[in-house]
């Protein structure tokens, strides 16, 4: 039996999830790295659930520079849901596969109609969806606070403090280039500032791991 750990299916049994997937006509697709799942020309008529891999939601500037709005790398994360519900005719961003990914695609119509097989589950799904949308709104607020920072060091400080674990480590889930795009800065500037922060005994950087050396001193950059 298929098992999907996703906030969308909270409080649903495995049997209920399977019934919903059958009723909705959901399908599972595999995408290779650098493939586009959807772009500006794609009609927003599906909800996407990441089953495996890594996907970036991106925008390109007029000059061609790529900006990563968010990176999805946790199994069960959903994306594309906002545009599906606001009846927009096109996306304002595109979904780029950063690492080979498996995605479950659920047709939009499933969320707007009930059937005899799964109508009892719809109230749970809608409740879960409201929680997901609220979490996304909170995340976007934090991202806006991050991008509104007055300096690159302040951006990095906020990013590190937002993502570090209890031991003071941040394990980057993206390349240095992708992190620069996420922070909306140039990669050389990012690398240079990380070196400077290391030199100032704020952090230690080893590969894709950042260790906070002095959290109080680091927080002074806010």
N, C-alpha and C. Protein backbone atom coordinates (compact mmCIF):
# COMPACT_ATOMS: atom_id res chain seq x y z
N UNK A 1 0.84 -1.20 0.00
CA UNK A 1 0.00 0.00 0.00
C UNK A 1 0.87 1.25 0.00
N UNK A 2 0.52 2.23 -0.78
CA UNK A 2 1.28 3.47 -0.83
C UNK A 2 1.11 4.23 0.48
N UNK A 3 2.22 4.77 0.98
CA UNK A 3 2.17 5.57 2.21
C UNK A 3 2.80 6.92 1.93
N UNK A 4 2.07 7.98 2.20
CA UNK A 4 2.56 9.34 1.94
C UNK A 4 2.46 10.14 3.22
N UNK A 5 3.61 10.53 3.74
CA UNK A 5 3.64 11.38 4.93
C UNK A 5 3.64 12.83 4.48
N UNK A 6 2.48 13.45 4.51
CA UNK A 6 2.34 14.83 4.08
C UNK A 6 1.34 15.54 4.98
N UNK A 7 1.57 16.83 5.26
CA UNK A 7 0.60 17.59 6.07
C UNK A 7 -0.80 17.56 5.47
N UNK A 8 -0.90 17.37 4.16
CA UNK A 8 -2.20 17.34 3.52
C UNK A 8 -3.05 16.18 4.02
N UNK A 9 -2.40 15.09 4.43
CA UNK A 9 -3.12 13.88 4.83
C UNK A 9 -3.09 13.65 6.34
N UNK A 10 -2.84 14.69 7.11
CA UNK A 10 -2.86 14.57 8.57
C UNK A 10 -4.23 14.08 9.04
N UNK A 11 -4.22 13.12 9.97
CA UNK A 11 -5.44 12.55 10.56
C UNK A 11 -6.24 11.68 9.60
N UNK A 12 -5.66 11.33 8.46
CA UNK A 12 -6.29 10.36 7.56
C UNK A 12 -5.55 9.03 7.68
N UNK A 13 -6.30 7.94 7.66
CA UNK A 13 -5.67 6.62 7.69
C UNK A 13 -5.06 6.31 6.33
N UNK A 14 -4.22 5.29 6.29
CA UNK A 14 -3.62 4.88 5.02
C UNK A 14 -4.70 4.50 4.02
N UNK A 15 -5.75 3.85 4.51
CA UNK A 15 -6.83 3.44 3.61
C UNK A 15 -7.57 4.66 3.05
N UNK A 16 -7.76 5.67 3.88
CA UNK A 16 -8.44 6.89 3.43
C UNK A 16 -7.58 7.63 2.40
N UNK A 17 -6.28 7.68 2.66
CA UNK A 17 -5.37 8.34 1.70
C UNK A 17 -5.41 7.62 0.36
N UNK A 18 -5.35 6.30 0.40
CA UNK A 18 -5.38 5.53 -0.84
C UNK A 18 -6.69 5.75 -1.58
N UNK A 19 -7.81 5.80 -0.88
CA UNK A 19 -9.10 6.05 -1.52
C UNK A 19 -9.13 7.43 -2.17
N UNK A 20 -8.57 8.42 -1.47
CA UNK A 20 -8.52 9.77 -2.02
C UNK A 20 -7.68 9.83 -3.29
N UNK A 21 -6.55 9.14 -3.28
CA UNK A 21 -5.68 9.15 -4.45
C UNK A 21 -6.37 8.49 -5.65
N UNK A 22 -7.07 7.41 -5.39
CA UNK A 22 -7.79 6.74 -6.47
C UNK A 22 -8.92 7.62 -7.00
N UNK A 23 -9.65 8.22 -6.08
CA UNK A 23 -10.79 9.05 -6.46
C UNK A 23 -10.35 10.29 -7.24
N UNK A 24 -9.23 10.86 -6.85
CA UNK A 24 -8.77 12.11 -7.47
C UNK A 24 -8.11 11.91 -8.82
N UNK A 25 -7.69 10.67 -9.11
CA UNK A 25 -6.96 10.44 -10.36
C UNK A 25 -5.52 10.93 -10.27
N UNK A 26 -4.97 10.96 -9.05
CA UNK A 26 -3.60 11.41 -8.85
C UNK A 26 -2.63 10.49 -9.57
N UNK A 27 -1.51 11.07 -10.01
CA UNK A 27 -0.49 10.26 -10.67
C UNK A 27 0.89 10.65 -10.17
N UNK A 28 1.77 9.68 -10.16
CA UNK A 28 3.14 9.89 -9.70
C UNK A 28 4.06 10.02 -10.90
N UNK A 29 4.92 11.06 -10.87
CA UNK A 29 5.84 11.30 -11.98
C UNK A 29 7.26 11.49 -11.46
N UNK A 30 8.22 11.06 -12.27
CA UNK A 30 9.64 11.22 -11.93
C UNK A 30 10.25 12.26 -12.85
N UNK A 31 10.98 13.20 -12.25
CA UNK A 31 11.64 14.27 -13.01
C UNK A 31 13.14 14.21 -12.78
N UNK A 32 13.90 14.41 -13.86
CA UNK A 32 15.35 14.46 -13.76
C UNK A 32 15.82 15.86 -13.37
N UNK A 33 17.05 15.96 -12.90
CA UNK A 33 17.61 17.26 -12.51
C UNK A 33 17.55 18.24 -13.68
N UNK A 34 17.17 19.48 -13.37
CA UNK A 34 17.05 20.60 -14.32
C UNK A 34 15.80 20.54 -15.18
N UNK A 35 14.94 19.54 -14.98
CA UNK A 35 13.65 19.54 -15.67
C UNK A 35 12.73 20.57 -15.02
N UNK A 36 11.79 21.06 -15.80
CA UNK A 36 10.79 22.01 -15.32
C UNK A 36 9.48 21.27 -15.07
N UNK A 37 8.96 21.37 -13.86
CA UNK A 37 7.69 20.72 -13.53
C UNK A 37 6.53 21.57 -14.03
N UNK A 38 6.61 22.87 -13.80
CA UNK A 38 5.65 23.80 -14.40
C UNK A 38 6.34 25.15 -14.55
N UNK A 39 5.81 25.95 -15.50
CA UNK A 39 6.37 27.29 -15.72
C UNK A 39 5.23 28.27 -15.96
N UNK A 40 5.56 29.44 -16.50
CA UNK A 40 4.56 30.50 -16.68
C UNK A 40 3.46 30.11 -17.67
N UNK A 41 3.75 29.17 -18.55
CA UNK A 41 2.76 28.77 -19.56
C UNK A 41 1.90 27.59 -19.11
N UNK A 42 2.14 27.09 -17.90
CA UNK A 42 1.39 25.95 -17.39
C UNK A 42 0.13 26.41 -16.67
N UNK A 43 -0.98 25.81 -17.00
CA UNK A 43 -2.24 26.15 -16.31
C UNK A 43 -2.21 25.58 -14.89
N UNK A 44 -2.49 26.40 -13.88
CA UNK A 44 -2.46 25.93 -12.48
C UNK A 44 -3.66 25.05 -12.14
N UNK A 45 -3.64 23.83 -12.58
CA UNK A 45 -4.77 22.94 -12.36
C UNK A 45 -4.38 21.68 -11.59
N UNK A 46 -3.25 21.74 -10.87
CA UNK A 46 -2.80 20.58 -10.08
C UNK A 46 -2.19 21.05 -8.77
N UNK A 47 -2.24 20.17 -7.79
CA UNK A 47 -1.49 20.34 -6.56
C UNK A 47 -0.36 19.32 -6.58
N UNK A 48 0.82 19.73 -6.18
CA UNK A 48 2.00 18.86 -6.27
C UNK A 48 2.49 18.50 -4.87
N UNK A 49 2.84 17.23 -4.69
CA UNK A 49 3.42 16.76 -3.43
C UNK A 49 4.78 16.12 -3.73
N UNK A 50 5.81 16.59 -3.07
CA UNK A 50 7.15 16.05 -3.26
C UNK A 50 7.28 14.74 -2.49
N UNK A 51 7.54 13.66 -3.21
CA UNK A 51 7.72 12.35 -2.58
C UNK A 51 9.19 12.06 -2.34
N UNK A 52 10.05 12.60 -3.19
CA UNK A 52 11.49 12.39 -3.04
C UNK A 52 12.22 13.41 -3.91
N UNK A 53 13.44 13.81 -3.49
CA UNK A 53 14.24 14.72 -4.30
C UNK A 53 14.26 16.14 -3.77
N UNK A 54 14.48 17.08 -4.69
CA UNK A 54 14.58 18.49 -4.31
C UNK A 54 14.10 19.36 -5.47
N UNK A 55 13.23 20.32 -5.15
CA UNK A 55 12.65 21.21 -6.16
C UNK A 55 12.81 22.66 -5.70
N UNK A 56 13.17 23.54 -6.62
CA UNK A 56 13.26 24.96 -6.32
C UNK A 56 12.16 25.72 -7.03
N UNK A 57 11.52 26.63 -6.32
CA UNK A 57 10.54 27.54 -6.94
C UNK A 57 11.28 28.82 -7.27
N UNK A 58 11.35 29.15 -8.56
CA UNK A 58 12.28 30.18 -9.03
C UNK A 58 11.60 31.25 -9.87
N UNK A 59 12.26 32.39 -9.94
CA UNK A 59 11.88 33.48 -10.84
C UNK A 59 13.14 34.00 -11.51
N UNK A 60 13.00 34.47 -12.75
CA UNK A 60 14.12 35.07 -13.47
C UNK A 60 13.88 36.56 -13.62
N UNK A 61 14.93 37.34 -13.43
CA UNK A 61 14.83 38.78 -13.62
C UNK A 61 14.90 39.10 -15.11
N UNK A 62 14.64 40.34 -15.46
CA UNK A 62 14.70 40.75 -16.86
C UNK A 62 16.10 40.57 -17.43
N UNK A 63 17.10 40.63 -16.56
CA UNK A 63 18.49 40.45 -17.01
C UNK A 63 18.88 38.98 -17.10
N UNK A 64 17.97 38.09 -16.67
CA UNK A 64 18.24 36.66 -16.77
C UNK A 64 18.78 36.03 -15.50
N UNK A 65 18.94 36.82 -14.43
CA UNK A 65 19.42 36.27 -13.17
C UNK A 65 18.31 35.46 -12.50
N UNK A 66 18.69 34.28 -12.00
CA UNK A 66 17.72 33.41 -11.34
C UNK A 66 17.65 33.70 -9.85
N UNK A 67 16.43 33.77 -9.33
CA UNK A 67 16.21 33.94 -7.90
C UNK A 67 15.38 32.77 -7.40
N UNK A 68 15.89 32.08 -6.39
CA UNK A 68 15.17 30.94 -5.82
C UNK A 68 14.29 31.43 -4.68
N UNK A 69 12.99 31.32 -4.85
CA UNK A 69 12.06 31.77 -3.83
C UNK A 69 12.05 30.85 -2.62
N UNK A 70 12.09 29.56 -2.89
CA UNK A 70 12.14 28.58 -1.80
C UNK A 70 12.66 27.26 -2.36
N UNK A 71 13.20 26.45 -1.48
CA UNK A 71 13.69 25.13 -1.84
C UNK A 71 12.87 24.09 -1.09
N UNK A 72 12.35 23.12 -1.81
CA UNK A 72 11.57 22.04 -1.22
C UNK A 72 12.43 20.78 -1.23
N UNK A 73 12.68 20.22 -0.05
CA UNK A 73 13.49 19.00 0.01
C UNK A 73 12.97 18.00 1.04
N UNK A 74 11.83 18.31 1.65
CA UNK A 74 11.26 17.41 2.65
C UNK A 74 10.12 16.61 2.02
N UNK A 75 10.15 15.31 2.22
CA UNK A 75 9.11 14.45 1.67
C UNK A 75 7.75 14.86 2.22
N UNK A 76 6.79 14.98 1.32
CA UNK A 76 5.44 15.36 1.73
C UNK A 76 5.13 16.83 1.58
N UNK A 77 6.14 17.66 1.27
CA UNK A 77 5.88 19.09 1.07
C UNK A 77 5.02 19.29 -0.17
N UNK A 78 4.12 20.25 -0.11
CA UNK A 78 3.26 20.53 -1.26
C UNK A 78 3.64 21.87 -1.88
N UNK A 79 3.33 22.01 -3.15
CA UNK A 79 3.58 23.27 -3.84
C UNK A 79 2.60 23.43 -4.99
N UNK A 80 2.44 24.68 -5.42
CA UNK A 80 1.50 24.98 -6.50
C UNK A 80 0.08 25.18 -6.02
N UNK A 81 -0.14 25.06 -4.70
CA UNK A 81 -1.52 25.09 -4.19
C UNK A 81 -2.13 26.48 -4.21
N UNK A 82 -1.33 27.51 -3.98
CA UNK A 82 -1.89 28.86 -3.91
C UNK A 82 -2.51 29.27 -5.24
N UNK A 83 -1.78 29.06 -6.32
CA UNK A 83 -2.28 29.46 -7.64
C UNK A 83 -3.47 28.61 -8.06
N UNK A 84 -3.54 27.39 -7.57
CA UNK A 84 -4.67 26.53 -7.89
C UNK A 84 -5.96 27.08 -7.28
N UNK A 85 -5.85 27.67 -6.09
CA UNK A 85 -7.04 28.14 -5.39
C UNK A 85 -7.43 29.57 -5.73
N UNK A 86 -6.50 30.39 -6.20
CA UNK A 86 -6.85 31.78 -6.51
C UNK A 86 -7.32 31.95 -7.95
N UNK A 87 -7.48 30.84 -8.65
CA UNK A 87 -8.01 30.88 -10.01
C UNK A 87 -7.14 31.72 -10.95
N UNK A 88 -5.84 31.69 -10.74
CA UNK A 88 -4.93 32.39 -11.63
C UNK A 88 -4.74 31.58 -12.90
N UNK A 89 -4.58 32.24 -14.03
CA UNK A 89 -4.42 31.53 -15.30
C UNK A 89 -3.00 31.08 -15.56
N UNK A 90 -2.05 31.60 -14.79
CA UNK A 90 -0.66 31.20 -14.98
C UNK A 90 0.14 31.43 -13.70
N UNK A 91 1.26 30.74 -13.61
CA UNK A 91 2.15 30.91 -12.47
C UNK A 91 3.04 32.13 -12.67
N UNK A 92 3.45 32.74 -11.57
CA UNK A 92 4.40 33.85 -11.63
C UNK A 92 5.83 33.36 -11.41
N UNK A 93 5.99 32.07 -11.20
CA UNK A 93 7.31 31.48 -10.99
C UNK A 93 7.31 30.11 -11.67
N UNK A 94 8.43 29.43 -11.62
CA UNK A 94 8.50 28.09 -12.20
C UNK A 94 9.14 27.13 -11.20
N UNK A 95 8.82 25.85 -11.36
CA UNK A 95 9.34 24.81 -10.47
C UNK A 95 10.47 24.07 -11.19
N UNK A 96 11.67 24.22 -10.68
CA UNK A 96 12.87 23.63 -11.28
C UNK A 96 13.36 22.48 -10.41
N UNK A 97 13.63 21.34 -11.03
CA UNK A 97 14.14 20.18 -10.30
C UNK A 97 15.63 20.37 -10.02
N UNK A 98 15.98 20.45 -8.75
CA UNK A 98 17.38 20.64 -8.35
C UNK A 98 18.09 19.32 -8.15
N UNK A 99 17.33 18.28 -7.89
CA UNK A 99 17.85 16.92 -7.75
C UNK A 99 16.74 15.98 -8.20
N UNK A 100 17.09 14.88 -8.86
CA UNK A 100 16.08 13.95 -9.36
C UNK A 100 14.96 13.77 -8.34
N UNK A 101 13.72 13.96 -8.80
CA UNK A 101 12.59 14.02 -7.88
C UNK A 101 11.42 13.16 -8.34
N UNK A 102 10.67 12.71 -7.35
CA UNK A 102 9.41 12.01 -7.60
C UNK A 102 8.30 12.88 -7.02
N UNK A 103 7.31 13.17 -7.84
CA UNK A 103 6.25 14.11 -7.46
C UNK A 103 4.88 13.48 -7.69
N UNK A 104 3.99 13.66 -6.72
CA UNK A 104 2.60 13.23 -6.88
C UNK A 104 1.79 14.43 -7.32
N UNK A 105 1.01 14.27 -8.38
CA UNK A 105 0.21 15.36 -8.93
C UNK A 105 -1.28 15.05 -8.75
N UNK A 106 -1.99 15.93 -8.03
CA UNK A 106 -3.41 15.74 -7.77
C UNK A 106 -4.21 16.80 -8.51
N UNK A 107 -5.14 16.40 -9.38
CA UNK A 107 -5.94 17.37 -10.15
C UNK A 107 -6.75 18.31 -9.26
N UNK A 108 -6.84 19.54 -9.68
CA UNK A 108 -7.55 20.59 -8.96
C UNK A 108 -9.01 20.23 -8.69
N UNK A 109 -9.67 19.60 -9.66
CA UNK A 109 -11.10 19.34 -9.56
C UNK A 109 -11.44 18.52 -8.32
N UNK A 110 -10.49 17.72 -7.84
CA UNK A 110 -10.74 16.87 -6.67
C UNK A 110 -11.09 17.70 -5.43
N UNK A 111 -10.55 18.91 -5.34
CA UNK A 111 -10.77 19.74 -4.16
C UNK A 111 -12.06 20.55 -4.24
N UNK A 112 -12.75 20.46 -5.37
CA UNK A 112 -13.97 21.25 -5.56
C UNK A 112 -15.23 20.41 -5.69
N UNK A 113 -15.08 19.10 -5.65
CA UNK A 113 -16.26 18.26 -5.75
C UNK A 113 -16.13 17.07 -4.82
N UNK A 114 -17.26 16.51 -4.45
CA UNK A 114 -17.27 15.34 -3.59
C UNK A 114 -17.86 14.16 -4.34
N UNK A 115 -17.43 12.99 -3.92
CA UNK A 115 -18.01 11.79 -4.52
C UNK A 115 -18.37 10.81 -3.41
N UNK A 116 -19.10 9.77 -3.74
CA UNK A 116 -19.57 8.82 -2.74
C UNK A 116 -18.41 8.10 -2.06
N UNK A 117 -17.29 7.95 -2.77
CA UNK A 117 -16.19 7.17 -2.22
C UNK A 117 -15.39 7.92 -1.16
N UNK A 118 -15.24 9.23 -1.30
CA UNK A 118 -14.32 9.91 -0.38
C UNK A 118 -14.84 11.23 0.17
N UNK A 119 -16.15 11.50 0.04
CA UNK A 119 -16.65 12.79 0.48
C UNK A 119 -16.44 13.00 1.98
N UNK A 120 -16.41 11.94 2.77
CA UNK A 120 -16.23 12.09 4.21
C UNK A 120 -14.84 12.56 4.57
N UNK A 121 -13.90 12.46 3.64
CA UNK A 121 -12.52 12.86 3.93
C UNK A 121 -12.25 14.31 3.53
N UNK A 122 -13.16 14.89 2.78
CA UNK A 122 -12.89 16.23 2.24
C UNK A 122 -12.76 17.28 3.35
N UNK A 123 -13.56 17.17 4.39
CA UNK A 123 -13.47 18.16 5.46
C UNK A 123 -12.09 18.12 6.12
N UNK A 124 -11.54 16.92 6.27
CA UNK A 124 -10.19 16.79 6.84
C UNK A 124 -9.16 17.41 5.90
N UNK A 125 -9.31 17.13 4.61
CA UNK A 125 -8.36 17.68 3.64
C UNK A 125 -8.39 19.20 3.62
N UNK A 126 -9.59 19.77 3.63
CA UNK A 126 -9.71 21.23 3.59
C UNK A 126 -9.13 21.86 4.85
N UNK A 127 -9.38 21.23 6.00
CA UNK A 127 -8.82 21.72 7.26
C UNK A 127 -7.30 21.68 7.21
N UNK A 128 -6.76 20.58 6.69
CA UNK A 128 -5.30 20.46 6.56
C UNK A 128 -4.75 21.51 5.60
N UNK A 129 -5.48 21.76 4.52
CA UNK A 129 -5.03 22.73 3.53
C UNK A 129 -4.98 24.14 4.13
N UNK A 130 -5.95 24.47 4.95
CA UNK A 130 -5.95 25.79 5.61
C UNK A 130 -4.72 25.95 6.50
N UNK A 131 -4.37 24.87 7.19
CA UNK A 131 -3.17 24.91 8.02
C UNK A 131 -1.91 25.09 7.20
N UNK A 132 -1.86 24.42 6.05
CA UNK A 132 -0.71 24.53 5.15
C UNK A 132 -0.59 25.95 4.61
N UNK A 133 -1.71 26.52 4.19
CA UNK A 133 -1.69 27.89 3.65
C UNK A 133 -1.25 28.89 4.71
N UNK A 134 -1.68 28.68 5.96
CA UNK A 134 -1.26 29.56 7.04
C UNK A 134 0.24 29.46 7.28
N UNK A 135 0.76 28.24 7.22
CA UNK A 135 2.20 28.04 7.40
C UNK A 135 2.99 28.69 6.28
N UNK A 136 2.47 28.59 5.05
CA UNK A 136 3.14 29.21 3.91
C UNK A 136 3.16 30.73 4.07
N UNK A 137 2.06 31.30 4.55
CA UNK A 137 2.01 32.75 4.75
C UNK A 137 3.04 33.19 5.78
N UNK A 138 3.18 32.40 6.84
CA UNK A 138 4.17 32.70 7.87
C UNK A 138 5.58 32.62 7.30
N UNK A 139 5.82 31.58 6.49
CA UNK A 139 7.15 31.42 5.88
C UNK A 139 7.48 32.61 4.98
N UNK A 140 6.51 33.06 4.19
CA UNK A 140 6.76 34.18 3.29
C UNK A 140 7.05 35.46 4.07
N UNK A 141 6.39 35.61 5.22
CA UNK A 141 6.67 36.77 6.06
C UNK A 141 8.11 36.75 6.54
N UNK A 142 8.57 35.57 6.97
CA UNK A 142 9.96 35.44 7.43
C UNK A 142 10.93 35.66 6.27
N UNK A 143 10.57 35.16 5.09
CA UNK A 143 11.45 35.34 3.92
C UNK A 143 11.55 36.83 3.56
N UNK A 144 10.44 37.53 3.62
CA UNK A 144 10.46 38.97 3.33
C UNK A 144 11.31 39.73 4.33
N UNK A 145 11.25 39.32 5.59
CA UNK A 145 12.09 39.93 6.61
C UNK A 145 13.56 39.68 6.30
N UNK A 146 13.85 38.49 5.82
CA UNK A 146 15.22 38.13 5.46
C UNK A 146 15.73 38.99 4.31
N UNK A 147 14.94 39.10 3.26
CA UNK A 147 15.36 39.83 2.07
C UNK A 147 15.39 41.33 2.28
N UNK A 148 14.69 41.81 3.30
CA UNK A 148 14.67 43.25 3.56
C UNK A 148 15.86 43.69 4.40
N UNK A 149 16.76 42.78 4.71
CA UNK A 149 17.94 43.11 5.50
C UNK A 149 18.77 44.18 4.81
N UNK A 150 19.43 45.00 5.61
CA UNK A 150 20.18 46.14 5.06
C UNK A 150 21.55 45.76 4.54
N UNK A 151 22.05 44.59 4.90
CA UNK A 151 23.38 44.18 4.44
C UNK A 151 23.41 42.67 4.22
N UNK A 152 24.41 42.20 3.48
CA UNK A 152 24.56 40.77 3.24
C UNK A 152 24.84 40.04 4.54
N UNK A 153 25.64 40.63 5.41
CA UNK A 153 25.93 39.98 6.69
C UNK A 153 24.66 39.80 7.51
N UNK A 154 23.80 40.81 7.47
CA UNK A 154 22.54 40.69 8.20
C UNK A 154 21.66 39.60 7.59
N UNK A 155 21.65 39.51 6.26
CA UNK A 155 20.89 38.43 5.61
C UNK A 155 21.40 37.07 6.06
N UNK A 156 22.72 36.89 6.02
CA UNK A 156 23.31 35.61 6.41
C UNK A 156 23.04 35.31 7.87
N UNK A 157 23.13 36.32 8.71
CA UNK A 157 22.87 36.12 10.13
C UNK A 157 21.44 35.64 10.36
N UNK A 158 20.47 36.29 9.72
CA UNK A 158 19.07 35.88 9.86
C UNK A 158 18.87 34.47 9.33
N UNK A 159 19.48 34.17 8.18
CA UNK A 159 19.32 32.84 7.59
C UNK A 159 19.88 31.77 8.53
N UNK A 160 21.06 32.03 9.08
CA UNK A 160 21.70 31.06 9.96
C UNK A 160 20.88 30.86 11.23
N UNK A 161 20.44 31.93 11.85
CA UNK A 161 19.67 31.82 13.09
C UNK A 161 18.31 31.15 12.86
N UNK A 162 17.73 31.35 11.68
CA UNK A 162 16.44 30.75 11.36
C UNK A 162 16.55 29.25 11.10
N UNK A 163 17.74 28.80 10.67
CA UNK A 163 17.87 27.41 10.21
C UNK A 163 18.78 26.53 11.05
N UNK A 164 19.42 27.09 12.07
CA UNK A 164 20.35 26.27 12.85
C UNK A 164 19.59 25.32 13.78
N UNK A 165 20.22 24.19 14.10
CA UNK A 165 19.62 23.24 15.03
C UNK A 165 20.04 23.59 16.46
N UNK A 166 19.65 22.76 17.40
CA UNK A 166 19.91 23.07 18.81
C UNK A 166 21.40 23.05 19.15
N UNK A 167 22.19 22.38 18.35
CA UNK A 167 23.63 22.32 18.57
C UNK A 167 24.36 23.47 17.88
N UNK A 168 23.62 24.33 17.18
CA UNK A 168 24.24 25.47 16.54
C UNK A 168 24.78 25.19 15.15
N UNK A 169 24.27 24.13 14.51
CA UNK A 169 24.73 23.78 13.16
C UNK A 169 23.64 24.06 12.13
N UNK A 170 24.06 24.50 10.97
CA UNK A 170 23.17 24.65 9.82
C UNK A 170 23.70 23.75 8.71
N UNK A 171 22.88 22.80 8.29
CA UNK A 171 23.27 21.93 7.18
C UNK A 171 22.57 22.44 5.92
N UNK A 172 23.35 23.00 5.02
CA UNK A 172 22.79 23.58 3.80
C UNK A 172 22.25 22.48 2.90
N UNK A 173 21.03 22.66 2.43
CA UNK A 173 20.42 21.67 1.54
C UNK A 173 20.55 22.07 0.08
N UNK A 174 21.38 23.09 -0.18
CA UNK A 174 21.55 23.58 -1.55
C UNK A 174 23.00 23.98 -1.79
N UNK A 175 23.34 24.14 -3.04
CA UNK A 175 24.70 24.54 -3.40
C UNK A 175 24.93 26.00 -3.02
N UNK A 176 26.20 26.42 -3.05
CA UNK A 176 26.53 27.81 -2.76
C UNK A 176 25.85 28.74 -3.78
N UNK A 177 25.80 28.30 -5.03
CA UNK A 177 25.15 29.09 -6.08
C UNK A 177 23.66 29.25 -5.80
N UNK A 178 23.02 28.15 -5.40
CA UNK A 178 21.58 28.21 -5.11
C UNK A 178 21.30 29.04 -3.86
N UNK A 179 22.18 28.97 -2.88
CA UNK A 179 22.01 29.79 -1.68
C UNK A 179 22.11 31.27 -2.03
N UNK A 180 23.05 31.61 -2.90
CA UNK A 180 23.18 33.00 -3.35
C UNK A 180 21.91 33.45 -4.05
N UNK A 181 21.35 32.59 -4.90
CA UNK A 181 20.11 32.93 -5.59
C UNK A 181 18.96 33.09 -4.60
N UNK A 182 18.94 32.24 -3.59
CA UNK A 182 17.89 32.31 -2.56
C UNK A 182 17.95 33.62 -1.79
N UNK A 183 19.18 34.07 -1.51
CA UNK A 183 19.36 35.32 -0.76
C UNK A 183 19.38 36.54 -1.67
N UNK A 184 19.27 36.28 -2.99
CA UNK A 184 19.24 37.35 -3.98
C UNK A 184 20.53 38.17 -3.96
N UNK A 185 21.67 37.45 -3.93
CA UNK A 185 22.98 38.09 -3.96
C UNK A 185 23.86 37.33 -4.96
N UNK A 186 25.01 37.90 -5.29
CA UNK A 186 25.95 37.24 -6.18
C UNK A 186 26.77 36.21 -5.39
N UNK A 187 27.10 35.11 -6.06
CA UNK A 187 27.85 34.05 -5.37
C UNK A 187 29.20 34.53 -4.84
N UNK A 188 30.00 35.29 -5.61
CA UNK A 188 31.29 35.74 -5.06
C UNK A 188 31.13 36.58 -3.79
N UNK A 189 30.09 37.41 -3.76
CA UNK A 189 29.84 38.22 -2.57
C UNK A 189 29.47 37.35 -1.38
N UNK A 190 28.66 36.32 -1.64
CA UNK A 190 28.27 35.39 -0.58
C UNK A 190 29.49 34.67 -0.02
N UNK A 191 30.32 34.13 -0.91
CA UNK A 191 31.51 33.40 -0.46
C UNK A 191 32.45 34.31 0.32
N UNK A 192 32.60 35.53 -0.14
CA UNK A 192 33.49 36.48 0.53
C UNK A 192 32.97 36.81 1.94
N UNK A 193 31.67 36.99 2.07
CA UNK A 193 31.11 37.34 3.38
C UNK A 193 31.19 36.16 4.35
N UNK A 194 31.01 34.94 3.84
CA UNK A 194 31.16 33.76 4.70
C UNK A 194 32.59 33.67 5.23
N UNK A 195 33.55 33.96 4.36
CA UNK A 195 34.96 33.97 4.79
C UNK A 195 35.19 35.04 5.85
N UNK A 196 34.60 36.21 5.65
CA UNK A 196 34.76 37.30 6.61
C UNK A 196 34.14 36.95 7.96
N UNK A 197 32.98 36.31 7.93
CA UNK A 197 32.32 35.93 9.18
C UNK A 197 33.09 34.83 9.90
N UNK A 198 33.72 33.97 9.11
CA UNK A 198 34.60 32.94 9.69
C UNK A 198 35.80 33.60 10.34
N UNK A 199 36.39 34.55 9.65
CA UNK A 199 37.56 35.27 10.16
C UNK A 199 37.24 36.03 11.44
N UNK A 200 36.00 36.54 11.54
CA UNK A 200 35.58 37.29 12.71
C UNK A 200 35.12 36.39 13.86
N UNK A 201 35.35 35.07 13.70
CA UNK A 201 35.01 34.09 14.74
C UNK A 201 33.52 34.05 15.09
N UNK A 202 32.70 34.30 14.06
CA UNK A 202 31.26 34.19 14.24
C UNK A 202 30.77 32.79 13.88
N UNK A 203 31.34 32.24 12.83
CA UNK A 203 30.93 30.93 12.33
C UNK A 203 32.16 30.16 11.85
N UNK A 204 31.96 28.85 11.66
CA UNK A 204 32.93 28.00 10.98
C UNK A 204 32.21 27.34 9.82
N UNK A 205 32.84 27.32 8.66
CA UNK A 205 32.21 26.75 7.47
C UNK A 205 33.03 25.56 6.99
N UNK A 206 32.35 24.43 6.82
CA UNK A 206 33.00 23.23 6.31
C UNK A 206 32.07 22.57 5.31
N UNK A 207 32.38 22.71 4.01
CA UNK A 207 31.50 22.16 2.99
C UNK A 207 30.14 22.81 3.05
N UNK A 208 29.11 21.98 3.26
CA UNK A 208 27.74 22.50 3.35
C UNK A 208 27.26 22.61 4.80
N UNK A 209 28.20 22.64 5.73
CA UNK A 209 27.84 22.77 7.14
C UNK A 209 28.39 24.07 7.71
N UNK A 210 27.53 24.82 8.39
CA UNK A 210 27.93 26.04 9.07
C UNK A 210 27.73 25.83 10.57
N UNK A 211 28.77 26.11 11.34
CA UNK A 211 28.70 26.00 12.79
C UNK A 211 28.76 27.40 13.40
N UNK A 212 27.80 27.70 14.27
CA UNK A 212 27.80 28.98 14.96
C UNK A 212 28.81 28.91 16.11
N UNK A 213 29.78 29.80 16.10
CA UNK A 213 30.83 29.83 17.12
C UNK A 213 30.43 30.69 18.31
N UNK A 214 29.87 31.86 18.03
CA UNK A 214 29.48 32.80 19.09
C UNK A 214 28.11 33.38 18.73
N UNK A 215 27.05 32.78 19.28
CA UNK A 215 25.69 33.17 18.89
C UNK A 215 25.35 34.59 19.33
N UNK A 216 25.85 35.01 20.48
CA UNK A 216 25.55 36.37 20.94
C UNK A 216 26.23 37.41 20.05
N UNK A 217 27.47 37.15 19.71
CA UNK A 217 28.19 38.06 18.83
C UNK A 217 27.57 38.07 17.44
N UNK A 218 27.13 36.89 16.99
CA UNK A 218 26.48 36.79 15.68
C UNK A 218 25.18 37.60 15.68
N UNK A 219 24.41 37.48 16.75
CA UNK A 219 23.12 38.18 16.83
C UNK A 219 23.28 39.69 16.87
N UNK A 220 24.46 40.16 17.22
CA UNK A 220 24.70 41.61 17.23
C UNK A 220 24.60 42.22 15.83
N UNK A 221 24.65 41.36 14.78
CA UNK A 221 24.57 41.85 13.41
C UNK A 221 23.14 42.17 12.99
N UNK A 222 22.17 41.80 13.82
CA UNK A 222 20.77 42.03 13.46
C UNK A 222 20.38 43.49 13.68
